[in-house]
Amino acid sequence: MRLLNCTRYKIGKCMSDVNKVESAEKHGMEWKSFFFICAVFFPLLSVVIVGGYGFIVWMLQMFVFGPPGVHG
């Protein structure tokens, strides 16, 4: 079975034409994604990592190692 050539038969858009983005639009999308990563993603990721580490230490102190300090 032979595939149709998009340039010969204009039936909608070719797959190569669907994802083409103009340079001005691409530039705007890059800035939006940069600000999203800097203002939302990295702060949330750091809170999750620090909170997860604190939770792990807390659970280990409660069930495995006991509280820190001098034990009698």
Protein backbone atom coordinates (compact mmCIF):
# COMPACT_ATOMS: atom_id res chain seq x y z
CA MET A 1 0.00 0.00 0.00
CA ARG A 2 1.39 3.35 -1.02
CA LEU A 3 1.07 6.43 1.17
CA LEU A 4 -0.44 9.60 -0.26
CA ASN A 5 1.87 12.50 -0.95
CA CYS A 6 0.61 15.57 0.94
CA THR A 7 1.91 18.04 -1.61
CA ARG A 8 0.09 16.35 -4.46
CA TYR A 9 -3.20 15.73 -2.64
CA LYS A 10 -4.25 18.64 -0.42
CA ILE A 11 -6.33 16.70 2.08
CA GLY A 12 -5.95 18.59 5.35
CA LYS A 13 -2.49 19.10 6.74
CA CYS A 14 0.53 16.86 6.52
CA MET A 15 2.00 15.53 9.74
CA SER A 16 5.11 17.60 9.06
CA ASP A 17 2.97 20.77 8.85
CA VAL A 18 1.07 20.20 12.10
CA ASN A 19 3.89 20.95 14.54
CA LYS A 20 5.47 23.87 12.69
CA VAL A 21 5.60 26.91 14.97
CA GLU A 22 6.45 30.42 13.87
CA SER A 23 9.58 31.91 15.39
CA ALA A 24 7.75 34.68 17.30
CA GLU A 25 5.28 32.19 18.72
CA LYS A 26 8.11 29.81 19.58
CA HIS A 27 10.00 32.61 21.32
CA GLY A 28 6.94 33.43 23.42
CA MET A 29 6.41 29.78 24.31
CA GLU A 30 10.04 29.48 25.41
CA TRP A 31 9.70 32.48 27.76
CA LYS A 32 6.44 31.16 29.21
CA SER A 33 7.95 27.74 29.83
CA PHE A 34 11.08 29.32 31.36
CA PHE A 35 9.00 31.38 33.79
CA PHE A 36 6.81 28.37 34.61
CA ILE A 37 9.87 26.28 35.41
CA CYS A 38 11.50 29.04 37.50
CA ALA A 39 8.41 30.32 39.32
CA VAL A 40 6.33 27.14 39.75
CA PHE A 41 8.10 23.88 39.01
CA PHE A 42 11.44 24.29 40.81
CA PRO A 43 9.94 25.82 43.99
CA LEU A 44 7.36 23.02 44.21
CA LEU A 45 10.01 20.42 43.49
CA SER A 46 12.27 21.78 46.24
CA VAL A 47 9.39 21.78 48.76
CA VAL A 48 8.55 18.18 47.86
CA ILE A 49 12.19 17.05 48.15
CA VAL A 50 12.84 18.81 51.49
CA GLY A 51 9.47 17.72 52.88
CA GLY A 52 10.03 14.14 51.76
CA TYR A 53 13.47 14.07 53.34
CA GLY A 54 12.07 15.46 56.61
CA PHE A 55 9.28 12.88 56.59
CA ILE A 56 11.76 10.04 56.04
CA VAL A 57 13.97 11.25 58.90
CA TRP A 58 10.94 11.64 61.16
CA MET A 59 9.68 8.11 60.42
CA LEU A 60 13.15 6.64 60.92
CA GLN A 61 13.43 8.37 64.30
CA MET A 62 10.00 7.14 65.36
CA PHE A 63 10.32 3.51 64.32
CA VAL A 64 13.99 2.59 63.78
CA PHE A 65 16.65 4.75 65.41
CA GLY A 66 14.85 6.63 68.16
CA PRO A 67 15.16 10.32 68.98
CA PRO A 68 18.52 12.06 68.65
CA GLY A 69 20.58 12.89 71.72
CA VAL A 70 22.40 11.08 74.54
CA HIS A 71 20.71 7.86 75.59
CA GLY A 72 21.32 6.80 79.06
